[in-house]
Amino acid sequence: IREAAAHMPISRIYRQFPGFGYLILDSLARGNLFFRSDENV
């Protein structure tokens, strides 16, 4: 889910801002949302 959120076109405009990783991507992990298909397969 972290990589998906980072590559979704809607996130493109926010990627340039400082804190994008922490505020957006890391918040998924803080919410216990990982959906690690890459590890599962």
PDB file of all heavy atoms in Angstrom:
ATOM      1  N   ILE A   1       0.815  -1.218   0.000  1.00  0.00           N
ATOM      2  CA  ILE A   1       0.000   0.000   0.000  1.00  0.00           C
ATOM      3  C   ILE A   1       0.849   1.268   0.000  1.00  0.00           C
ATOM      4  O   ILE A   1       0.474   2.275  -0.589  1.00  0.00           O
ATOM      5  CB  ILE A   1      -1.018  -0.010   1.163  1.00  0.00           C
ATOM      6  CG1 ILE A   1      -2.160   0.978   0.907  1.00  0.00           C
ATOM      7  CG2 ILE A   1      -0.348   0.268   2.491  1.00  0.00           C
ATOM      8  CD1 ILE A   1      -3.083   0.583  -0.193  1.00  0.00           C
ATOM      9  N   ARG A   2       2.009   1.218   0.624  1.00  0.00           N
ATOM     10  CA  ARG A   2       2.881   2.403   0.656  1.00  0.00           C
ATOM     11  C   ARG A   2       3.357   2.744  -0.754  1.00  0.00           C
ATOM     12  O   ARG A   2       3.303   3.896  -1.181  1.00  0.00           O
ATOM     13  CB  ARG A   2       4.072   2.170   1.579  1.00  0.00           C
ATOM     14  CG  ARG A   2       4.896   3.413   1.824  1.00  0.00           C
ATOM     15  CD  ARG A   2       6.055   3.123   2.785  1.00  0.00           C
ATOM     16  NE  ARG A   2       6.497   4.276   3.517  1.00  0.00           N
ATOM     17  CZ  ARG A   2       7.172   5.294   3.014  1.00  0.00           C
ATOM     18  NH1 ARG A   2       7.478   5.319   1.730  1.00  0.00           N
ATOM     19  NH2 ARG A   2       7.548   6.305   3.772  1.00  0.00           N
ATOM     20  N   GLU A   3       3.824   1.733  -1.457  1.00  0.00           N
ATOM     21  CA  GLU A   3       4.303   1.968  -2.822  1.00  0.00           C
ATOM     22  C   GLU A   3       3.151   2.367  -3.739  1.00  0.00           C
ATOM     23  O   GLU A   3       3.312   3.211  -4.626  1.00  0.00           O
ATOM     24  CB  GLU A   3       5.022   0.726  -3.348  1.00  0.00           C
ATOM     25  CG  GLU A   3       5.771   0.985  -4.624  1.00  0.00           C
ATOM     26  CD  GLU A   3       6.717  -0.146  -5.012  1.00  0.00           C
ATOM     27  OE1 GLU A   3       6.671  -1.236  -4.414  1.00  0.00           O
ATOM     28  OE2 GLU A   3       7.504   0.091  -5.931  1.00  0.00           O
ATOM     29  N   ALA A   4       1.982   1.778  -3.537  1.00  0.00           N
ATOM     30  CA  ALA A   4       0.821   2.145  -4.349  1.00  0.00           C
ATOM     31  C   ALA A   4       0.471   3.616  -4.148  1.00  0.00           C
ATOM     32  O   ALA A   4       0.265   4.350  -5.117  1.00  0.00           O
ATOM     33  CB  ALA A   4      -0.369   1.260  -3.990  1.00  0.00           C
ATOM     34  N   ALA A   5       0.421   4.050  -2.892  1.00  0.00           N
ATOM     35  CA  ALA A   5       0.090   5.448  -2.603  1.00  0.00           C
ATOM     36  C   ALA A   5       1.128   6.400  -3.192  1.00  0.00           C
ATOM     37  O   ALA A   5       0.786   7.480  -3.679  1.00  0.00           O
ATOM     38  CB  ALA A   5      -0.030   5.651  -1.096  1.00  0.00           C
ATOM     39  N   ALA A   6       2.370   5.991  -3.174  1.00  0.00           N
ATOM     40  CA  ALA A   6       3.444   6.833  -3.708  1.00  0.00           C
ATOM     41  C   ALA A   6       3.375   6.968  -5.233  1.00  0.00           C
ATOM     42  O   ALA A   6       3.856   7.949  -5.787  1.00  0.00           O
ATOM     43  CB  ALA A   6       4.804   6.276  -3.308  1.00  0.00           C
ATOM     44  N   HIS A   7       2.769   5.987  -5.900  1.00  0.00           N
ATOM     45  CA  HIS A   7       2.751   5.995  -7.364  1.00  0.00           C
ATOM     46  C   HIS A   7       1.380   6.296  -7.970  1.00  0.00           C
ATOM     47  O   HIS A   7       1.246   6.322  -9.189  1.00  0.00           O
ATOM     48  CB  HIS A   7       3.255   4.653  -7.900  1.00  0.00           C
ATOM     49  CG  HIS A   7       4.730   4.498  -7.741  1.00  0.00           C
ATOM     50  ND1 HIS A   7       5.290   3.940  -6.623  1.00  0.00           N
ATOM     51  CD2 HIS A   7       5.750   4.865  -8.539  1.00  0.00           C
ATOM     52  CE1 HIS A   7       6.601   3.956  -6.746  1.00  0.00           C
ATOM     53  NE2 HIS A   7       6.906   4.510  -7.899  1.00  0.00           N
ATOM     54  N   MET A   8       0.392   6.510  -7.136  1.00  0.00           N
ATOM     55  CA  MET A   8      -0.920   6.849  -7.679  1.00  0.00           C
ATOM     56  C   MET A   8      -0.844   8.236  -8.315  1.00  0.00           C
ATOM     57  O   MET A   8      -0.265   9.158  -7.734  1.00  0.00           O
ATOM     58  CB  MET A   8      -1.986   6.823  -6.592  1.00  0.00           C
ATOM     59  CG  MET A   8      -2.275   5.431  -6.088  1.00  0.00           C
ATOM     60  SD  MET A   8      -3.485   5.417  -4.773  1.00  0.00           S
ATOM     61  CE  MET A   8      -4.971   5.519  -5.755  1.00  0.00           C
ATOM     62  N   PRO A   9      -1.399   8.397  -9.497  1.00  0.00           N
ATOM     63  CA  PRO A   9      -1.323   9.698 -10.172  1.00  0.00           C
ATOM     64  C   PRO A   9      -1.848  10.856  -9.324  1.00  0.00           C
ATOM     65  O   PRO A   9      -1.323  11.959  -9.383  1.00  0.00           O
ATOM     66  CB  PRO A   9      -2.166   9.495 -11.431  1.00  0.00           C
ATOM     67  CG  PRO A   9      -2.042   8.037 -11.711  1.00  0.00           C
ATOM     68  CD  PRO A   9      -2.008   7.377 -10.350  1.00  0.00           C
ATOM     69  N   ILE A  10      -2.848  10.615  -8.506  1.00  0.00           N
ATOM     70  CA  ILE A  10      -3.414  11.691  -7.693  1.00  0.00           C
ATOM     71  C   ILE A  10      -2.403  12.239  -6.682  1.00  0.00           C
ATOM     72  O   ILE A  10      -2.483  13.383  -6.264  1.00  0.00           O
ATOM     73  CB  ILE A  10      -4.714  11.245  -6.999  1.00  0.00           C
ATOM     74  CG1 ILE A  10      -5.475  12.459  -6.495  1.00  0.00           C
ATOM     75  CG2 ILE A  10      -4.426  10.264  -5.874  1.00  0.00           C
ATOM     76  CD1 ILE A  10      -6.892  12.164  -6.082  1.00  0.00           C
ATOM     77  N   SER A  11      -1.434  11.416  -6.313  1.00  0.00           N
ATOM     78  CA  SER A  11      -0.434  11.867  -5.336  1.00  0.00           C
ATOM     79  C   SER A  11       0.705  12.648  -5.990  1.00  0.00           C
ATOM     80  O   SER A  11       1.539  13.229  -5.290  1.00  0.00           O
ATOM     81  CB  SER A  11       0.125  10.678  -4.551  1.00  0.00           C
ATOM     82  OG  SER A  11       0.949   9.877  -5.374  1.00  0.00           O
ATOM     83  N   ARG A  12       0.727  12.679  -7.306  1.00  0.00           N
ATOM     84  CA  ARG A  12       1.828  13.328  -8.033  1.00  0.00           C
ATOM     85  C   ARG A  12       2.053  14.772  -7.583  1.00  0.00           C
ATOM     86  O   ARG A  12       3.178  15.195  -7.354  1.00  0.00           O
ATOM     87  CB  ARG A  12       1.567  13.281  -9.536  1.00  0.00           C
ATOM     88  CG  ARG A  12       2.690  13.879 -10.358  1.00  0.00           C
ATOM     89  CD  ARG A  12       2.492  13.709 -11.835  1.00  0.00           C
ATOM     90  NE  ARG A  12       2.630  12.287 -12.148  1.00  0.00           N
ATOM     91  CZ  ARG A  12       1.840  11.622 -12.985  1.00  0.00           C
ATOM     92  NH1 ARG A  12       0.874  12.247 -13.608  1.00  0.00           N
ATOM     93  NH2 ARG A  12       2.020  10.342 -13.204  1.00  0.00           N
ATOM     94  N   ILE A  13       0.990  15.540  -7.419  1.00  0.00           N
ATOM     95  CA  ILE A  13       1.156  16.951  -7.060  1.00  0.00           C
ATOM     96  C   ILE A  13       1.677  17.119  -5.634  1.00  0.00           C
ATOM     97  O   ILE A  13       2.310  18.123  -5.325  1.00  0.00           O
ATOM     98  CB  ILE A  13      -0.152  17.750  -7.247  1.00  0.00           C
ATOM     99  CG1 ILE A  13      -1.280  17.151  -6.414  1.00  0.00           C
ATOM    100  CG2 ILE A  13      -0.530  17.844  -8.691  1.00  0.00           C
ATOM    101  CD1 ILE A  13      -2.555  17.970  -6.414  1.00  0.00           C
ATOM    102  N   TYR A  14       1.434  16.138  -4.773  1.00  0.00           N
ATOM    103  CA  TYR A  14       1.865  16.245  -3.381  1.00  0.00           C
ATOM    104  C   TYR A  14       3.271  15.716  -3.145  1.00  0.00           C
ATOM    105  O   TYR A  14       3.887  16.042  -2.131  1.00  0.00           O
ATOM    106  CB  TYR A  14       0.883  15.503  -2.474  1.00  0.00           C
ATOM    107  CG  TYR A  14      -0.513  16.033  -2.592  1.00  0.00           C
ATOM    108  CD1 TYR A  14      -1.486  15.308  -3.282  1.00  0.00           C
ATOM    109  CD2 TYR A  14      -0.856  17.264  -2.044  1.00  0.00           C
ATOM    110  CE1 TYR A  14      -2.775  15.808  -3.414  1.00  0.00           C
ATOM    111  CE2 TYR A  14      -2.133  17.775  -2.175  1.00  0.00           C
ATOM    112  CZ  TYR A  14      -3.099  17.034  -2.856  1.00  0.00           C
ATOM    113  OH  TYR A  14      -4.362  17.532  -2.994  1.00  0.00           O
ATOM    114  N   ARG A  15       3.781  14.895  -4.045  1.00  0.00           N
ATOM    115  CA  ARG A  15       5.097  14.277  -3.869  1.00  0.00           C
ATOM    116  C   ARG A  15       6.220  15.292  -3.737  1.00  0.00           C
ATOM    117  O   ARG A  15       7.226  15.020  -3.095  1.00  0.00           O
ATOM    118  CB  ARG A  15       5.412  13.349  -5.040  1.00  0.00           C
ATOM    119  CG  ARG A  15       4.619  12.088  -5.028  1.00  0.00           C
ATOM    120  CD  ARG A  15       5.008  11.206  -6.213  1.00  0.00           C
ATOM    121  NE  ARG A  15       3.776  10.663  -6.761  1.00  0.00           N
ATOM    122  CZ  ARG A  15       3.596  10.285  -7.994  1.00  0.00           C
ATOM    123  NH1 ARG A  15       4.572  10.360  -8.871  1.00  0.00           N
ATOM    124  NH2 ARG A  15       2.448   9.803  -8.396  1.00  0.00           N
ATOM    125  N   GLN A  16       6.047  16.443  -4.351  1.00  0.00           N
ATOM    126  CA  GLN A  16       7.097  17.457  -4.345  1.00  0.00           C
ATOM    127  C   GLN A  16       7.222  18.183  -3.007  1.00  0.00           C
ATOM    128  O   GLN A  16       8.222  18.825  -2.729  1.00  0.00           O
ATOM    129  CB  GLN A  16       6.858  18.455  -5.457  1.00  0.00           C
ATOM    130  CG  GLN A  16       5.563  19.241  -5.295  1.00  0.00           C
ATOM    131  CD  GLN A  16       5.248  20.089  -6.495  1.00  0.00           C
ATOM    132  OE1 GLN A  16       6.140  20.457  -7.250  1.00  0.00           O
ATOM    133  NE2 GLN A  16       3.986  20.421  -6.684  1.00  0.00           N
ATOM    134  N   PHE A  17       6.199  18.102  -2.168  1.00  0.00           N
ATOM    135  CA  PHE A  17       6.207  18.838  -0.908  1.00  0.00           C
ATOM    136  C   PHE A  17       6.974  18.094   0.178  1.00  0.00           C
ATOM    137  O   PHE A  17       6.875  16.875   0.294  1.00  0.00           O
ATOM    138  CB  PHE A  17       4.775  19.099  -0.426  1.00  0.00           C
ATOM    139  CG  PHE A  17       4.004  20.006  -1.331  1.00  0.00           C
ATOM    140  CD1 PHE A  17       2.916  19.521  -2.049  1.00  0.00           C
ATOM    141  CD2 PHE A  17       4.365  21.336  -1.505  1.00  0.00           C
ATOM    142  CE1 PHE A  17       2.198  20.339  -2.899  1.00  0.00           C
ATOM    143  CE2 PHE A  17       3.660  22.163  -2.357  1.00  0.00           C
ATOM    144  CZ  PHE A  17       2.578  21.669  -3.051  1.00  0.00           C
ATOM    145  N   PRO A  18       7.724  18.857   0.978  1.00  0.00           N
ATOM    146  CA  PRO A  18       8.419  18.225   2.102  1.00  0.00           C
ATOM    147  C   PRO A  18       7.391  17.586   3.038  1.00  0.00           C
ATOM    148  O   PRO A  18       6.313  18.116   3.242  1.00  0.00           O
ATOM    149  CB  PRO A  18       9.118  19.394   2.803  1.00  0.00           C
ATOM    150  CG  PRO A  18       9.060  20.544   1.864  1.00  0.00           C
ATOM    151  CD  PRO A  18       7.937  20.291   0.918  1.00  0.00           C
ATOM    152  N   GLY A  19       7.745  16.461   3.559  1.00  0.00           N
ATOM    153  CA  GLY A  19       6.857  15.784   4.495  1.00  0.00           C
ATOM    154  C   GLY A  19       5.868  14.839   3.852  1.00  0.00           C
ATOM    155  O   GLY A  19       5.072  14.201   4.546  1.00  0.00           O
ATOM    156  N   PHE A  20       5.869  14.732   2.514  1.00  0.00           N
ATOM    157  CA  PHE A  20       4.922  13.838   1.842  1.00  0.00           C
ATOM    158  C   PHE A  20       5.055  12.412   2.374  1.00  0.00           C
ATOM    159  O   PHE A  20       4.063  11.779   2.720  1.00  0.00           O
ATOM    160  CB  PHE A  20       5.138  13.855   0.325  1.00  0.00           C
ATOM    161  CG  PHE A  20       4.338  12.819  -0.413  1.00  0.00           C
ATOM    162  CD1 PHE A  20       2.971  12.950  -0.565  1.00  0.00           C
ATOM    163  CD2 PHE A  20       4.949  11.692  -0.957  1.00  0.00           C
ATOM    164  CE1 PHE A  20       2.219  11.992  -1.238  1.00  0.00           C
ATOM    165  CE2 PHE A  20       4.219  10.733  -1.630  1.00  0.00           C
ATOM    166  CZ  PHE A  20       2.849  10.885  -1.777  1.00  0.00           C
ATOM    167  N   GLY A  21       6.295  11.940   2.469  1.00  0.00           N
ATOM    168  CA  GLY A  21       6.513  10.583   2.964  1.00  0.00           C
ATOM    169  C   GLY A  21       5.992  10.398   4.366  1.00  0.00           C
ATOM    170  O   GLY A  21       5.273   9.442   4.656  1.00  0.00           O
ATOM    171  N   TYR A  22       6.318  11.320   5.238  1.00  0.00           N
ATOM    172  CA  TYR A  22       5.895  11.195   6.631  1.00  0.00           C
ATOM    173  C   TYR A  22       4.392  11.398   6.799  1.00  0.00           C
ATOM    174  O   TYR A  22       3.704  10.586   7.421  1.00  0.00           O
ATOM    175  CB  TYR A  22       6.653  12.192   7.516  1.00  0.00           C
ATOM    176  CG  TYR A  22       6.165  12.164   8.942  1.00  0.00           C
ATOM    177  CD1 TYR A  22       6.544  11.142   9.796  1.00  0.00           C
ATOM    178  CD2 TYR A  22       5.310  13.145   9.420  1.00  0.00           C
ATOM    179  CE1 TYR A  22       6.072  11.089  11.104  1.00  0.00           C
ATOM    180  CE2 TYR A  22       4.843  13.110  10.715  1.00  0.00           C
ATOM    181  CZ  TYR A  22       5.227  12.087  11.563  1.00  0.00           C
ATOM    182  OH  TYR A  22       4.756  12.040  12.843  1.00  0.00           O
ATOM    183  N   LEU A  23       3.876  12.484   6.233  1.00  0.00           N
ATOM    184  CA  LEU A  23       2.473  12.823   6.454  1.00  0.00           C
ATOM    185  C   LEU A  23       1.506  11.882   5.740  1.00  0.00           C
ATOM    186  O   LEU A  23       0.456  11.534   6.285  1.00  0.00           O
ATOM    187  CB  LEU A  23       2.204  14.262   6.009  1.00  0.00           C
ATOM    188  CG  LEU A  23       2.877  15.340   6.848  1.00  0.00           C
ATOM    189  CD1 LEU A  23       2.696  16.706   6.206  1.00  0.00           C
ATOM    190  CD2 LEU A  23       2.326  15.333   8.270  1.00  0.00           C
ATOM    191  N   ILE A  24       1.853  11.475   4.555  1.00  0.00           N
ATOM    192  CA  ILE A  24       0.932  10.650   3.772  1.00  0.00           C
ATOM    193  C   ILE A  24       1.309   9.168   3.841  1.00  0.00           C
ATOM    194  O   ILE A  24       0.530   8.341   4.315  1.00  0.00           O
ATOM    195  CB  ILE A  24       0.885  11.106   2.298  1.00  0.00           C
ATOM    196  CG1 ILE A  24       0.540  12.595   2.196  1.00  0.00           C
ATOM    197  CG2 ILE A  24      -0.074  10.240   1.493  1.00  0.00           C
ATOM    198  CD1 ILE A  24      -0.805  12.990   2.764  1.00  0.00           C
ATOM    199  N   LEU A  25       2.500   8.841   3.380  1.00  0.00           N
ATOM    200  CA  LEU A  25       2.871   7.434   3.268  1.00  0.00           C
ATOM    201  C   LEU A  25       3.051   6.765   4.630  1.00  0.00           C
ATOM    202  O   LEU A  25       2.566   5.653   4.848  1.00  0.00           O
ATOM    203  CB  LEU A  25       4.136   7.287   2.418  1.00  0.00           C
ATOM    204  CG  LEU A  25       4.039   7.876   1.007  1.00  0.00           C
ATOM    205  CD1 LEU A  25       5.344   7.674   0.262  1.00  0.00           C
ATOM    206  CD2 LEU A  25       2.867   7.287   0.247  1.00  0.00           C
ATOM    207  N   ASP A  26       3.735   7.423   5.534  1.00  0.00           N
ATOM    208  CA  ASP A  26       3.958   6.817   6.848  1.00  0.00           C
ATOM    209  C   ASP A  26       2.680   6.742   7.672  1.00  0.00           C
ATOM    210  O   ASP A  26       2.568   5.920   8.574  1.00  0.00           O
ATOM    211  CB  ASP A  26       5.041   7.569   7.618  1.00  0.00           C
ATOM    212  CG  ASP A  26       6.414   7.442   6.973  1.00  0.00           C
ATOM    213  OD1 ASP A  26       6.576   6.567   6.092  1.00  0.00           O
ATOM    214  OD2 ASP A  26       7.309   8.225   7.333  1.00  0.00           O
ATOM    215  N   SER A  27       1.713   7.603   7.377  1.00  0.00           N
ATOM    216  CA  SER A  27       0.457   7.560   8.123  1.00  0.00           C
ATOM    217  C   SER A  27      -0.287   6.241   7.879  1.00  0.00           C
ATOM    218  O   SER A  27      -1.021   5.766   8.742  1.00  0.00           O
ATOM    219  CB  SER A  27      -0.433   8.744   7.768  1.00  0.00           C
ATOM    220  OG  SER A  27      -0.895   8.645   6.441  1.00  0.00           O
ATOM    221  N   LEU A  28      -0.081   5.647   6.726  1.00  0.00           N
ATOM    222  CA  LEU A  28      -0.695   4.345   6.452  1.00  0.00           C
ATOM    223  C   LEU A  28      -0.149   3.292   7.419  1.00  0.00           C
ATOM    224  O   LEU A  28      -0.913   2.506   7.983  1.00  0.00           O
ATOM    225  CB  LEU A  28      -0.431   3.924   5.007  1.00  0.00           C
ATOM    226  CG  LEU A  28      -1.065   4.813   3.933  1.00  0.00           C
ATOM    227  CD1 LEU A  28      -0.464   4.507   2.570  1.00  0.00           C
ATOM    228  CD2 LEU A  28      -2.565   4.630   3.928  1.00  0.00           C
ATOM    229  N   ALA A  29       1.150   3.298   7.619  1.00  0.00           N
ATOM    230  CA  ALA A  29       1.765   2.342   8.550  1.00  0.00           C
ATOM    231  C   ALA A  29       1.323   2.627   9.981  1.00  0.00           C
ATOM    232  O   ALA A  29       1.068   1.696  10.755  1.00  0.00           O
ATOM    233  CB  ALA A  29       3.289   2.399   8.443  1.00  0.00           C
ATOM    234  N   ARG A  30       1.208   3.899  10.328  1.00  0.00           N
ATOM    235  CA  ARG A  30       0.746   4.228  11.687  1.00  0.00           C
ATOM    236  C   ARG A  30      -0.683   3.743  11.900  1.00  0.00           C
ATOM    237  O   ARG A  30      -1.089   3.482  13.026  1.00  0.00           O
ATOM    238  CB  ARG A  30       0.868   5.728  11.946  1.00  0.00           C
ATOM    239  CG  ARG A  30       2.319   6.187  12.100  1.00  0.00           C
ATOM    240  CD  ARG A  30       2.420   7.622  12.607  1.00  0.00           C
ATOM    241  NE  ARG A  30       1.857   8.612  11.710  1.00  0.00           N
ATOM    242  CZ  ARG A  30       2.509   9.149  10.680  1.00  0.00           C
ATOM    243  NH1 ARG A  30       3.751   8.797  10.410  1.00  0.00           N
ATOM    244  NH2 ARG A  30       1.930  10.060   9.919  1.00  0.00           N
ATOM    245  N   GLY A  31      -1.426   3.620  10.826  1.00  0.00           N
ATOM    246  CA  GLY A  31      -2.788   3.092  10.903  1.00  0.00           C
ATOM    247  C   GLY A  31      -2.836   1.581  10.705  1.00  0.00           C
ATOM    248  O   GLY A  31      -3.901   1.015  10.494  1.00  0.00           O
ATOM    249  N   ASN A  32      -1.683   0.928  10.751  1.00  0.00           N
ATOM    250  CA  ASN A  32      -1.570  -0.523  10.545  1.00  0.00           C
ATOM    251  C   ASN A  32      -2.126  -0.974   9.202  1.00  0.00           C
ATOM    252  O   ASN A  32      -2.767  -2.015   9.099  1.00  0.00           O
ATOM    253  CB  ASN A  32      -2.230  -1.298  11.691  1.00  0.00           C
ATOM    254  CG  ASN A  32      -1.423  -1.217  12.958  1.00  0.00           C
ATOM    255  OD1 ASN A  32      -0.198  -1.324  12.915  1.00  0.00           O
ATOM    256  ND2 ASN A  32      -2.092  -1.003  14.070  1.00  0.00           N
ATOM    257  N   LEU A  33      -1.882  -0.179   8.182  1.00  0.00           N
ATOM    258  CA  LEU A  33      -2.266  -0.540   6.819  1.00  0.00           C
ATOM    259  C   LEU A  33      -0.998  -0.775   6.015  1.00  0.00           C
ATOM    260  O   LEU A  33      -0.238   0.164   5.752  1.00  0.00           O
ATOM    261  CB  LEU A  33      -3.096   0.568   6.175  1.00  0.00           C
ATOM    262  CG  LEU A  33      -4.447   0.849   6.808  1.00  0.00           C
ATOM    263  CD1 LEU A  33      -5.082   2.072   6.181  1.00  0.00           C
ATOM    264  CD2 LEU A  33      -5.363  -0.349   6.674  1.00  0.00           C
ATOM    265  N   PHE A  34      -0.781  -2.021   5.638  1.00  0.00           N
ATOM    266  CA  PHE A  34       0.427  -2.384   4.899  1.00  0.00           C
ATOM    267  C   PHE A  34       0.096  -3.095   3.585  1.00  0.00           C
ATOM    268  O   PHE A  34       0.698  -2.829   2.577  1.00  0.00           O
ATOM    269  CB  PHE A  34       1.348  -3.284   5.753  1.00  0.00           C
ATOM    270  CG  PHE A  34       1.769  -2.636   7.031  1.00  0.00           C
ATOM    271  CD1 PHE A  34       1.128  -2.926   8.225  1.00  0.00           C
ATOM    272  CD2 PHE A  34       2.809  -1.722   7.039  1.00  0.00           C
ATOM    273  CE1 PHE A  34       1.514  -2.321   9.403  1.00  0.00           C
ATOM    274  CE2 PHE A  34       3.204  -1.111   8.214  1.00  0.00           C
ATOM    275  CZ  PHE A  34       2.552  -1.408   9.406  1.00  0.00           C
ATOM    276  N   PHE A  35      -0.842  -4.020   3.625  1.00  0.00           N
ATOM    277  CA  PHE A  35      -1.229  -4.790   2.441  1.00  0.00           C
ATOM    278  C   PHE A  35      -0.006  -5.177   1.626  1.00  0.00           C
ATOM    279  O   PHE A  35       0.171  -4.754   0.487  1.00  0.00           O
ATOM    280  CB  PHE A  35      -2.249  -4.030   1.596  1.00  0.00           C
ATOM    281  CG  PHE A  35      -3.558  -3.810   2.298  1.00  0.00           C
ATOM    282  CD1 PHE A  35      -3.899  -2.562   2.794  1.00  0.00           C
ATOM    283  CD2 PHE A  35      -4.445  -4.849   2.469  1.00  0.00           C
ATOM    284  CE1 PHE A  35      -5.108  -2.352   3.438  1.00  0.00           C
ATOM    285  CE2 PHE A  35      -5.660  -4.656   3.114  1.00  0.00           C
ATOM    286  CZ  PHE A  35      -5.990  -3.401   3.596  1.00  0.00           C
ATOM    287  N   ARG A  36       0.835  -6.010   2.188  1.00  0.00           N
ATOM    288  CA  ARG A  36       2.124  -6.385   1.597  1.00  0.00           C
ATOM    289  C   ARG A  36       1.992  -7.577   0.644  1.00  0.00           C
ATOM    290  O   ARG A  36       2.492  -8.662   0.923  1.00  0.00           O
ATOM    291  CB  ARG A  36       3.110  -6.718   2.707  1.00  0.00           C
ATOM    292  CG  ARG A  36       3.472  -5.557   3.576  1.00  0.00           C
ATOM    293  CD  ARG A  36       4.485  -5.987   4.634  1.00  0.00           C
ATOM    294  NE  ARG A  36       4.873  -4.873   5.454  1.00  0.00           N
ATOM    295  CZ  ARG A  36       4.710  -4.838   6.776  1.00  0.00           C
ATOM    296  NH1 ARG A  36       4.184  -5.862   7.419  1.00  0.00           N
ATOM    297  NH2 ARG A  36       5.099  -3.783   7.462  1.00  0.00           N
ATOM    298  N   SER A  37       1.375  -7.347  -0.463  1.00  0.00           N
ATOM    299  CA  SER A  37       1.254  -8.427  -1.453  1.00  0.00           C
ATOM    300  C   SER A  37       2.623  -8.908  -1.905  1.00  0.00           C
ATOM    301  O   SER A  37       2.806 -10.097  -2.159  1.00  0.00           O
ATOM    302  CB  SER A  37       0.444  -7.961  -2.662  1.00  0.00           C
ATOM    303  OG  SER A  37      -0.904  -7.800  -2.300  1.00  0.00           O
ATOM    304  N   ASP A  38       3.595  -7.990  -1.985  1.00  0.00           N
ATOM    305  CA  ASP A  38       4.937  -8.382  -2.410  1.00  0.00           C
ATOM    306  C   ASP A  38       5.565  -9.373  -1.437  1.00  0.00           C
ATOM    307  O   ASP A  38       6.287 -10.283  -1.851  1.00  0.00           O
ATOM    308  CB  ASP A  38       5.838  -7.168  -2.633  1.00  0.00           C
ATOM    309  CG  ASP A  38       5.855  -6.183  -1.475  1.00  0.00           C
ATOM    310  OD1 ASP A  38       5.099  -6.334  -0.499  1.00  0.00           O
ATOM    311  OD2 ASP A  38       6.633  -5.210  -1.555  1.00  0.00           O
ATOM    312  N   GLU A  39       5.281  -9.250  -0.158  1.00  0.00           N
ATOM    313  CA  GLU A  39       5.788 -10.213   0.820  1.00  0.00           C
ATOM    314  C   GLU A  39       4.937 -11.482   0.821  1.00  0.00           C
ATOM    315  O   GLU A  39       5.451 -12.589   0.976  1.00  0.00           O
ATOM    316  CB  GLU A  39       5.825  -9.598   2.222  1.00  0.00           C
ATOM    317  CG  GLU A  39       6.824  -8.462   2.362  1.00  0.00           C
ATOM    318  CD  GLU A  39       8.250  -8.898   2.053  1.00  0.00           C
ATOM    319  OE1 GLU A  39       8.664  -9.994   2.496  1.00  0.00           O
ATOM    320  OE2 GLU A  39       8.969  -8.140   1.375  1.00  0.00           O
ATOM    321  N   ASN A  40       3.641 -11.333   0.649  1.00  0.00           N
ATOM    322  CA  ASN A  40       2.736 -12.481   0.668  1.00  0.00           C
ATOM    323  C   ASN A  40       3.007 -13.456  -0.474  1.00  0.00           C
ATOM    324  O   ASN A  40       3.023 -14.670  -0.272  1.00  0.00           O
ATOM    325  CB  ASN A  40       1.280 -12.018   0.627  1.00  0.00           C
ATOM    326  CG  ASN A  40       0.866 -11.298   1.888  1.00  0.00           C
ATOM    327  OD1 ASN A  40       1.460 -11.462   2.956  1.00  0.00           O
ATOM    328  ND2 ASN A  40      -0.171 -10.483   1.784  1.00  0.00           N
ATOM    329  N   VAL A  41       3.223 -12.927  -1.686  1.00  0.00           N
ATOM    330  CA  VAL A  41       3.412 -13.827  -2.829  1.00  0.00           C
ATOM    331  C   VAL A  41       4.704 -14.620  -2.729  1.00  0.00           C
ATOM    332  O   VAL A  41       4.845 -15.660  -3.369  1.00  0.00           O
ATOM    333  CB  VAL A  41       3.330 -13.097  -4.191  1.00  0.00           C
ATOM    334  CG1 VAL A  41       1.963 -12.455  -4.383  1.00  0.00           C
ATOM    335  CG2 VAL A  41       4.453 -12.089  -4.368  1.00  0.00           C
TER     336      VAL A  41
END
